[in-house]
PDB file of all heavy atoms in Angstrom:
ATOM      1  N   HIS A   1      48.409  -6.211 -20.955  1.00  0.00           N
ATOM      2  CA  HIS A   1      48.523  -5.293 -22.081  1.00  0.00           C
ATOM      3  C   HIS A   1      48.349  -6.047 -23.381  1.00  0.00           C
ATOM      4  O   HIS A   1      49.226  -6.783 -23.806  1.00  0.00           O
ATOM      5  CB  HIS A   1      49.843  -4.545 -22.038  1.00  0.00           C
ATOM      6  CG  HIS A   1      49.998  -3.710 -20.792  1.00  0.00           C
ATOM      7  ND1 HIS A   1      49.189  -2.643 -20.524  1.00  0.00           N
ATOM      8  CD2 HIS A   1      50.819  -3.825 -19.753  1.00  0.00           C
ATOM      9  CE1 HIS A   1      49.501  -2.076 -19.376  1.00  0.00           C
ATOM     10  NE2 HIS A   1      50.495  -2.785 -18.876  1.00  0.00           N
ATOM     11  N   SER A   2      47.175  -5.877 -23.950  1.00  0.00           N
ATOM     12  CA  SER A   2      46.858  -6.481 -25.241  1.00  0.00           C
ATOM     13  C   SER A   2      45.976  -5.492 -25.966  1.00  0.00           C
ATOM     14  O   SER A   2      45.893  -4.342 -25.560  1.00  0.00           O
ATOM     15  CB  SER A   2      46.124  -7.807 -25.042  1.00  0.00           C
ATOM     16  OG  SER A   2      44.903  -7.605 -24.348  1.00  0.00           O
ATOM     17  N   ALA A   3      45.311  -5.917 -26.993  1.00  0.00           N
ATOM     18  CA  ALA A   3      44.418  -5.003 -27.726  1.00  0.00           C
ATOM     19  C   ALA A   3      43.319  -4.455 -26.776  1.00  0.00           C
ATOM     20  O   ALA A   3      42.910  -3.295 -26.937  1.00  0.00           O
ATOM     21  CB  ALA A   3      43.781  -5.715 -28.891  1.00  0.00           C
ATOM     22  N   ALA A   4      42.902  -5.262 -25.823  1.00  0.00           N
ATOM     23  CA  ALA A   4      41.827  -4.830 -24.943  1.00  0.00           C
ATOM     24  C   ALA A   4      42.290  -4.237 -23.632  1.00  0.00           C
ATOM     25  O   ALA A   4      41.527  -3.558 -22.948  1.00  0.00           O
ATOM     26  CB  ALA A   4      40.938  -6.022 -24.616  1.00  0.00           C
ATOM     27  N   SER A   5      43.574  -4.434 -23.241  1.00  0.00           N
ATOM     28  CA  SER A   5      44.106  -3.930 -21.986  1.00  0.00           C
ATOM     29  C   SER A   5      43.179  -4.305 -20.813  1.00  0.00           C
ATOM     30  O   SER A   5      42.494  -3.476 -20.229  1.00  0.00           O
ATOM     31  CB  SER A   5      44.348  -2.436 -22.008  1.00  0.00           C
ATOM     32  OG  SER A   5      45.001  -2.026 -20.853  1.00  0.00           O
ATOM     33  N   ILE A   6      43.159  -5.564 -20.476  1.00  0.00           N
ATOM     34  CA  ILE A   6      42.217  -6.102 -19.485  1.00  0.00           C
ATOM     35  C   ILE A   6      42.755  -5.935 -18.053  1.00  0.00           C
ATOM     36  O   ILE A   6      43.894  -6.301 -17.765  1.00  0.00           O
ATOM     37  CB  ILE A   6      41.959  -7.598 -19.779  1.00  0.00           C
ATOM     38  CG1 ILE A   6      41.395  -7.763 -21.196  1.00  0.00           C
ATOM     39  CG2 ILE A   6      41.038  -8.191 -18.754  1.00  0.00           C
ATOM     40  CD1 ILE A   6      41.433  -9.193 -21.681  1.00  0.00           C
ATOM     41  N   LEU A   7      41.887  -5.409 -17.193  1.00  0.00           N
ATOM     42  CA  LEU A   7      42.229  -5.266 -15.759  1.00  0.00           C
ATOM     43  C   LEU A   7      42.046  -6.615 -15.071  1.00  0.00           C
ATOM     44  O   LEU A   7      41.037  -7.284 -15.309  1.00  0.00           O
ATOM     45  CB  LEU A   7      41.348  -4.223 -15.113  1.00  0.00           C
ATOM     46  CG  LEU A   7      41.548  -4.001 -13.616  1.00  0.00           C
ATOM     47  CD1 LEU A   7      42.921  -3.384 -13.306  1.00  0.00           C
ATOM     48  CD2 LEU A   7      40.463  -3.094 -13.042  1.00  0.00           C
ATOM     49  N   PHE A   8      43.006  -6.936 -14.224  1.00  0.00           N
ATOM     50  CA  PHE A   8      42.952  -8.181 -13.425  1.00  0.00           C
ATOM     51  C   PHE A   8      43.038  -7.799 -11.950  1.00  0.00           C
ATOM     52  O   PHE A   8      43.690  -6.810 -11.567  1.00  0.00           O
ATOM     53  CB  PHE A   8      44.119  -9.105 -13.719  1.00  0.00           C
ATOM     54  CG  PHE A   8      43.934  -9.960 -14.921  1.00  0.00           C
ATOM     55  CD1 PHE A   8      44.025  -9.415 -16.195  1.00  0.00           C
ATOM     56  CD2 PHE A   8      43.655 -11.307 -14.801  1.00  0.00           C
ATOM     57  CE1 PHE A   8      43.906 -10.202 -17.317  1.00  0.00           C
ATOM     58  CE2 PHE A   8      43.504 -12.128 -15.926  1.00  0.00           C
ATOM     59  CZ  PHE A   8      43.617 -11.564 -17.192  1.00  0.00           C
ATOM     60  N   ILE A   9      42.383  -8.593 -11.082  1.00  0.00           N
ATOM     61  CA  ILE A   9      42.578  -8.506  -9.673  1.00  0.00           C
ATOM     62  C   ILE A   9      43.265  -9.793  -9.235  1.00  0.00           C
ATOM     63  O   ILE A   9      42.845 -10.902  -9.611  1.00  0.00           O
ATOM     64  CB  ILE A   9      41.268  -8.280  -8.860  1.00  0.00           C
ATOM     65  CG1 ILE A   9      41.555  -8.171  -7.370  1.00  0.00           C
ATOM     66  CG2 ILE A   9      40.226  -9.351  -9.195  1.00  0.00           C
ATOM     67  CD1 ILE A   9      40.404  -7.666  -6.547  1.00  0.00           C
ATOM     68  N   GLY A  10      44.380  -9.631  -8.545  1.00  0.00           N
ATOM     69  CA  GLY A  10      45.130 -10.821  -8.111  1.00  0.00           C
ATOM     70  C   GLY A  10      45.399 -10.810  -6.626  1.00  0.00           C
ATOM     71  O   GLY A  10      45.264  -9.759  -5.961  1.00  0.00           O
ATOM     72  N   LEU A  11      45.741 -11.947  -6.091  1.00  0.00           N
ATOM     73  CA  LEU A  11      46.045 -12.072  -4.669  1.00  0.00           C
ATOM     74  C   LEU A  11      47.465 -12.599  -4.519  1.00  0.00           C
ATOM     75  O   LEU A  11      47.804 -13.633  -5.076  1.00  0.00           O
ATOM     76  CB  LEU A  11      45.067 -13.028  -3.986  1.00  0.00           C
ATOM     77  CG  LEU A  11      43.588 -12.636  -4.062  1.00  0.00           C
ATOM     78  CD1 LEU A  11      42.731 -13.705  -3.372  1.00  0.00           C
ATOM     79  CD2 LEU A  11      43.330 -11.299  -3.411  1.00  0.00           C
ATOM     80  N   ALA A  12      48.280 -11.890  -3.768  1.00  0.00           N
ATOM     81  CA  ALA A  12      49.580 -12.382  -3.348  1.00  0.00           C
ATOM     82  C   ALA A  12      49.320 -13.067  -2.026  1.00  0.00           C
ATOM     83  O   ALA A  12      48.687 -12.542  -1.116  1.00  0.00           O
ATOM     84  CB  ALA A  12      50.581 -11.223  -3.199  1.00  0.00           C
ATOM     85  N   ARG A  13      49.836 -14.304  -1.905  1.00  0.00           N
ATOM     86  CA  ARG A  13      49.578 -15.103  -0.725  1.00  0.00           C
ATOM     87  C   ARG A  13      50.879 -15.396   0.026  1.00  0.00           C
ATOM     88  O   ARG A  13      51.935 -15.412  -0.566  1.00  0.00           O
ATOM     89  CB  ARG A  13      48.856 -16.390  -1.081  1.00  0.00           C
ATOM     90  CG  ARG A  13      47.528 -16.093  -1.763  1.00  0.00           C
ATOM     91  CD  ARG A  13      46.679 -17.317  -2.112  1.00  0.00           C
ATOM     92  NE  ARG A  13      47.425 -18.434  -2.618  1.00  0.00           N
ATOM     93  CZ  ARG A  13      47.407 -19.644  -2.080  1.00  0.00           C
ATOM     94  NH1 ARG A  13      46.642 -19.927  -1.025  1.00  0.00           N
ATOM     95  NH2 ARG A  13      48.121 -20.630  -2.578  1.00  0.00           N
ATOM     96  N   ARG A  14      50.728 -15.629   1.302  1.00  0.00           N
ATOM     97  CA  ARG A  14      51.880 -15.921   2.150  1.00  0.00           C
ATOM     98  C   ARG A  14      52.554 -17.202   1.719  1.00  0.00           C
ATOM     99  O   ARG A  14      51.910 -18.109   1.168  1.00  0.00           O
ATOM    100  CB  ARG A  14      51.497 -15.969   3.602  1.00  0.00           C
ATOM    101  CG  ARG A  14      50.683 -17.151   3.994  1.00  0.00           C
ATOM    102  CD  ARG A  14      50.457 -17.255   5.486  1.00  0.00           C
ATOM    103  NE  ARG A  14      49.450 -18.261   5.802  1.00  0.00           N
ATOM    104  CZ  ARG A  14      49.674 -19.531   5.782  1.00  0.00           C
ATOM    105  NH1 ARG A  14      50.879 -20.030   5.504  1.00  0.00           N
ATOM    106  NH2 ARG A  14      48.715 -20.410   6.055  1.00  0.00           N
ATOM    107  N   GLU A  15      53.851 -17.293   1.977  1.00  0.00           N
ATOM    108  CA  GLU A  15      54.629 -18.510   1.678  1.00  0.00           C
ATOM    109  C   GLU A  15      54.056 -19.642   2.494  1.00  0.00           C
ATOM    110  O   GLU A  15      53.791 -19.471   3.678  1.00  0.00           O
ATOM    111  CB  GLU A  15      56.105 -18.258   2.040  1.00  0.00           C
ATOM    112  CG  GLU A  15      57.015 -19.310   1.520  1.00  0.00           C
ATOM    113  CD  GLU A  15      57.152 -19.276  -0.019  1.00  0.00           C
ATOM    114  OE1 GLU A  15      57.119 -18.182  -0.588  1.00  0.00           O
ATOM    115  OE2 GLU A  15      57.282 -20.365  -0.574  1.00  0.00           O
ATOM    116  N   GLY A  16      53.820 -20.786   1.887  1.00  0.00           N
ATOM    117  CA  GLY A  16      53.322 -21.923   2.591  1.00  0.00           C
ATOM    118  C   GLY A  16      51.802 -22.004   2.701  1.00  0.00           C
ATOM    119  O   GLY A  16      51.269 -22.908   3.336  1.00  0.00           O
ATOM    120  N   ALA A  17      51.082 -21.027   2.102  1.00  0.00           N
ATOM    121  CA  ALA A  17      49.626 -21.084   2.138  1.00  0.00           C
ATOM    122  C   ALA A  17      49.144 -22.275   1.343  1.00  0.00           C
ATOM    123  O   ALA A  17      49.816 -22.698   0.372  1.00  0.00           O
ATOM    124  CB  ALA A  17      49.048 -19.797   1.550  1.00  0.00           C
ATOM    125  N   PRO A  18      48.070 -22.883   1.777  1.00  0.00           N
ATOM    126  CA  PRO A  18      47.574 -24.086   1.070  1.00  0.00           C
ATOM    127  C   PRO A  18      47.266 -23.789  -0.385  1.00  0.00           C
ATOM    128  O   PRO A  18      46.788 -22.707  -0.742  1.00  0.00           O
ATOM    129  CB  PRO A  18      46.287 -24.492   1.796  1.00  0.00           C
ATOM    130  CG  PRO A  18      46.208 -23.594   2.987  1.00  0.00           C
ATOM    131  CD  PRO A  18      47.228 -22.540   2.881  1.00  0.00           C
ATOM    132  N   ALA A  19      47.561 -24.722  -1.287  1.00  0.00           N
ATOM    133  CA  ALA A  19      47.279 -24.535  -2.694  1.00  0.00           C
ATOM    134  C   ALA A  19      45.768 -24.407  -2.916  1.00  0.00           C
ATOM    135  O   ALA A  19      44.959 -24.983  -2.181  1.00  0.00           O
ATOM    136  CB  ALA A  19      47.793 -25.737  -3.494  1.00  0.00           C
ATOM    137  N   VAL A  20      45.398 -23.615  -3.884  1.00  0.00           N
ATOM    138  CA  VAL A  20      43.974 -23.447  -4.238  1.00  0.00           C
ATOM    139  C   VAL A  20      43.802 -23.854  -5.704  1.00  0.00           C
ATOM    140  O   VAL A  20      44.696 -23.712  -6.512  1.00  0.00           O
ATOM    141  CB  VAL A  20      43.515 -21.984  -4.057  1.00  0.00           C
ATOM    142  CG1 VAL A  20      43.524 -21.621  -2.570  1.00  0.00           C
ATOM    143  CG2 VAL A  20      44.380 -21.031  -4.845  1.00  0.00           C
ATOM    144  N   PRO A  21      42.608 -24.404  -6.012  1.00  0.00           N
ATOM    145  CA  PRO A  21      42.360 -24.772  -7.401  1.00  0.00           C
ATOM    146  C   PRO A  21      42.439 -23.523  -8.294  1.00  0.00           C
ATOM    147  O   PRO A  21      41.948 -22.454  -7.934  1.00  0.00           O
ATOM    148  CB  PRO A  21      40.943 -25.335  -7.394  1.00  0.00           C
ATOM    149  CG  PRO A  21      40.461 -25.305  -5.988  1.00  0.00           C
ATOM    150  CD  PRO A  21      41.518 -24.607  -5.168  1.00  0.00           C
ATOM    151  N   GLY A  22      43.041 -23.681  -9.429  1.00  0.00           N
ATOM    152  CA  GLY A  22      43.125 -22.508 -10.376  1.00  0.00           C
ATOM    153  C   GLY A  22      44.274 -21.589 -10.115  1.00  0.00           C
ATOM    154  O   GLY A  22      44.487 -20.649 -10.859  1.00  0.00           O
ATOM    155  N   GLY A  23      45.040 -21.849  -9.047  1.00  0.00           N
ATOM    156  CA  GLY A  23      46.195 -20.995  -8.749  1.00  0.00           C
ATOM    157  C   GLY A  23      47.387 -21.371  -9.580  1.00  0.00           C
ATOM    158  O   GLY A  23      47.434 -22.453 -10.134  1.00  0.00           O
ATOM    159  N   ILE A  24      48.348 -20.493  -9.644  1.00  0.00           N
ATOM    160  CA  ILE A  24      49.584 -20.768 -10.374  1.00  0.00           C
ATOM    161  C   ILE A  24      50.476 -21.607  -9.455  1.00  0.00           C
ATOM    162  O   ILE A  24      50.741 -21.230  -8.351  1.00  0.00           O
ATOM    163  CB  ILE A  24      50.285 -19.471 -10.766  1.00  0.00           C
ATOM    164  CG1 ILE A  24      49.372 -18.681 -11.693  1.00  0.00           C
ATOM    165  CG2 ILE A  24      51.616 -19.724 -11.432  1.00  0.00           C
ATOM    166  CD1 ILE A  24      49.817 -17.263 -11.912  1.00  0.00           C
ATOM    167  N   ARG A  25      50.869 -22.753  -9.964  1.00  0.00           N
ATOM    168  CA  ARG A  25      51.664 -23.657  -9.140  1.00  0.00           C
ATOM    169  C   ARG A  25      53.056 -23.845  -9.672  1.00  0.00           C
ATOM    170  O   ARG A  25      53.212 -24.131 -10.875  1.00  0.00           O
ATOM    171  CB  ARG A  25      50.940 -25.012  -9.049  1.00  0.00           C
ATOM    172  CG  ARG A  25      49.650 -24.921  -8.342  1.00  0.00           C
ATOM    173  CD  ARG A  25      49.089 -26.292  -8.019  1.00  0.00           C
ATOM    174  NE  ARG A  25      47.786 -26.152  -7.466  1.00  0.00           N
ATOM    175  CZ  ARG A  25      46.668 -26.529  -8.079  1.00  0.00           C
ATOM    176  NH1 ARG A  25      46.701 -27.055  -9.266  1.00  0.00           N
ATOM    177  NH2 ARG A  25      45.518 -26.367  -7.493  1.00  0.00           N
ATOM    178  N   GLY A  26      54.024 -23.725  -8.838  1.00  0.00           N
ATOM    179  CA  GLY A  26      55.394 -24.055  -9.158  1.00  0.00           C
ATOM    180  C   GLY A  26      56.072 -23.130 -10.178  1.00  0.00           C
ATOM    181  O   GLY A  26      55.464 -22.224 -10.714  1.00  0.00           O
ATOM    182  N   PRO A  27      57.338 -23.372 -10.389  1.00  0.00           N
ATOM    183  CA  PRO A  27      58.162 -22.515 -11.268  1.00  0.00           C
ATOM    184  C   PRO A  27      57.688 -22.575 -12.727  1.00  0.00           C
ATOM    185  O   PRO A  27      57.773 -21.597 -13.449  1.00  0.00           O
ATOM    186  CB  PRO A  27      59.577 -23.049 -11.102  1.00  0.00           C
ATOM    187  CG  PRO A  27      59.493 -24.348 -10.418  1.00  0.00           C
ATOM    188  CD  PRO A  27      58.148 -24.396  -9.728  1.00  0.00           C
ATOM    189  N   VAL A  28      57.194 -23.736 -13.173  1.00  0.00           N
ATOM    190  CA  VAL A  28      56.739 -23.877 -14.549  1.00  0.00           C
ATOM    191  C   VAL A  28      55.494 -22.987 -14.778  1.00  0.00           C
ATOM    192  O   VAL A  28      55.370 -22.303 -15.796  1.00  0.00           O
ATOM    193  CB  VAL A  28      56.441 -25.359 -14.913  1.00  0.00           C
ATOM    194  CG1 VAL A  28      55.801 -25.470 -16.311  1.00  0.00           C
ATOM    195  CG2 VAL A  28      57.699 -26.158 -14.833  1.00  0.00           C
ATOM    196  N   GLY A  29      54.585 -22.987 -13.822  1.00  0.00           N
ATOM    197  CA  GLY A  29      53.382 -22.136 -13.909  1.00  0.00           C
ATOM    198  C   GLY A  29      53.745 -20.655 -13.964  1.00  0.00           C
ATOM    199  O   GLY A  29      53.206 -19.884 -14.716  1.00  0.00           O
ATOM    200  N   ARG A  30      54.696 -20.250 -13.133  1.00  0.00           N
ATOM    201  CA  ARG A  30      55.155 -18.862 -13.129  1.00  0.00           C
ATOM    202  C   ARG A  30      55.840 -18.505 -14.445  1.00  0.00           C
ATOM    203  O   ARG A  30      55.635 -17.425 -14.974  1.00  0.00           O
ATOM    204  CB  ARG A  30      56.104 -18.614 -11.954  1.00  0.00           C
ATOM    205  CG  ARG A  30      55.430 -18.738 -10.653  1.00  0.00           C
ATOM    206  CD  ARG A  30      56.140 -17.925  -9.594  1.00  0.00           C
ATOM    207  NE  ARG A  30      55.421 -18.040  -8.331  1.00  0.00           N
ATOM    208  CZ  ARG A  30      54.317 -17.375  -8.039  1.00  0.00           C
ATOM    209  NH1 ARG A  30      53.801 -16.546  -8.881  1.00  0.00           N
ATOM    210  NH2 ARG A  30      53.724 -17.586  -6.864  1.00  0.00           N
ATOM    211  N   LEU A  31      56.628 -19.405 -14.989  1.00  0.00           N
ATOM    212  CA  LEU A  31      57.278 -19.144 -16.261  1.00  0.00           C
ATOM    213  C   LEU A  31      56.227 -18.988 -17.374  1.00  0.00           C
ATOM    214  O   LEU A  31      56.343 -18.100 -18.225  1.00  0.00           O
ATOM    215  CB  LEU A  31      58.201 -20.340 -16.606  1.00  0.00           C
ATOM    216  CG  LEU A  31      59.622 -19.906 -16.972  1.00  0.00           C
ATOM    217  CD1 LEU A  31      60.407 -19.745 -15.699  1.00  0.00           C
ATOM    218  CD2 LEU A  31      60.215 -20.975 -17.864  1.00  0.00           C
ATOM    219  N   ALA A  32      55.202 -19.830 -17.358  1.00  0.00           N
ATOM    220  CA  ALA A  32      54.127 -19.717 -18.358  1.00  0.00           C
ATOM    221  C   ALA A  32      53.405 -18.395 -18.258  1.00  0.00           C
ATOM    222  O   ALA A  32      53.112 -17.749 -19.245  1.00  0.00           O
ATOM    223  CB  ALA A  32      53.155 -20.868 -18.200  1.00  0.00           C
ATOM    224  N   MET A  33      53.127 -17.973 -17.007  1.00  0.00           N
ATOM    225  CA  MET A  33      52.441 -16.660 -16.825  1.00  0.00           C
ATOM    226  C   MET A  33      53.349 -15.509 -17.299  1.00  0.00           C
ATOM    227  O   MET A  33      52.863 -14.573 -17.912  1.00  0.00           O
ATOM    228  CB  MET A  33      52.056 -16.458 -15.364  1.00  0.00           C
ATOM    229  CG  MET A  33      50.681 -16.934 -15.014  1.00  0.00           C
ATOM    230  SD  MET A  33      49.376 -16.586 -16.188  1.00  0.00           S
ATOM    231  CE  MET A  33      49.149 -14.845 -16.006  1.00  0.00           C
ATOM    232  N   ARG A  34      54.612 -15.570 -16.998  1.00  0.00           N
ATOM    233  CA  ARG A  34      55.554 -14.521 -17.455  1.00  0.00           C
ATOM    234  C   ARG A  34      55.612 -14.499 -18.990  1.00  0.00           C
ATOM    235  O   ARG A  34      55.777 -13.435 -19.565  1.00  0.00           O
ATOM    236  CB  ARG A  34      56.953 -14.770 -16.897  1.00  0.00           C
ATOM    237  CG  ARG A  34      57.024 -14.512 -15.442  1.00  0.00           C
ATOM    238  CD  ARG A  34      57.846 -13.234 -15.184  1.00  0.00           C
ATOM    239  NE  ARG A  34      57.913 -13.037 -13.740  1.00  0.00           N
ATOM    240  CZ  ARG A  34      57.289 -12.026 -13.131  1.00  0.00           C
ATOM    241  NH1 ARG A  34      56.577 -11.188 -13.830  1.00  0.00           N
ATOM    242  NH2 ARG A  34      57.362 -11.920 -11.851  1.00  0.00           N
ATOM    243  N   ALA A  35      55.493 -15.657 -19.632  1.00  0.00           N
ATOM    244  CA  ALA A  35      55.483 -15.707 -21.088  1.00  0.00           C
ATOM    245  C   ALA A  35      54.237 -15.037 -21.635  1.00  0.00           C
ATOM    246  O   ALA A  35      54.282 -14.349 -22.668  1.00  0.00           O
ATOM    247  CB  ALA A  35      55.615 -17.123 -21.586  1.00  0.00           C
ATOM    248  N   LEU A  36      53.094 -15.245 -20.963  1.00  0.00           N
ATOM    249  CA  LEU A  36      51.857 -14.665 -21.442  1.00  0.00           C
ATOM    250  C   LEU A  36      51.724 -13.195 -21.071  1.00  0.00           C
ATOM    251  O   LEU A  36      51.143 -12.413 -21.834  1.00  0.00           O
ATOM    252  CB  LEU A  36      50.645 -15.443 -20.857  1.00  0.00           C
ATOM    253  CG  LEU A  36      50.529 -16.880 -21.293  1.00  0.00           C
ATOM    254  CD1 LEU A  36      49.482 -17.595 -20.483  1.00  0.00           C
ATOM    255  CD2 LEU A  36      50.231 -16.963 -22.770  1.00  0.00           C
TER     256      LEU A  36
END
């Protein structure tokens, strides 16, 4: 929700799934996304 209201497609992944490049990693990454 911003001036443009941009649609995103996201993937929820199973616990323990291998990390992928560009994914949100760890609690700090989640905190940053929640802030944005």
